[in-house]
Amino acid sequence: MKYKILITAMAVGLAFSAAASGQPVAGSANPYVPRLGDIMGATQLRHIKLWFAGKEKNWALAEYELEQIRYTFQDALTLYPGLPAANMTTMTAPTGEIDAAIKAKDSSKFAKAFGHLTTACNSCHRAQGYGYISITVPGVSPFSDERFSPK
């Protein structure tokens, strides 16, 4: 029962937060458009999951997370056309490297390519004036409820 109350309170809080911030609420005349920071936050979570999937050689999950990261980059460029596309396209080479490493099931190449992706993320942050957002290779998974090793 207390979980239902907590979930309801969170949903109401998010709705009020969205309305107060000028973001349209789902179901309103204007569709909800996530803030760029929310898109990047989701990308960061996928970055973490990609790392642990590759580390555990769960290549199917790694491929899925990489695909989702690519979609978030596309979403960012589509929803925020003022973003310099050149900065987002710096992700093309590192994601291509990761894709090749996943297809080859090569952990060493994956780790190296993941480092390149992380560097590209930080370069983009610095170029946009957000250098204080510094992404690293994850150390400990915050996803204790997900198994990253393949079955």
Foldseek 3Di string as FASTA:
>chain_A
DVVVVVVVVVVVVVQVVCVVVVADDPPDPDHGQDDLVVLVVVLLLLLQLLLLLLVLLVLVSNVVSLVVNVVSLVSCCVSPVVQDVVLSCQQVVLSVQCVVCSVVSPSVSNVVSSQSNQVSVLVSCVVVVNNVPHDDHDDDDPCPPDDSHDD
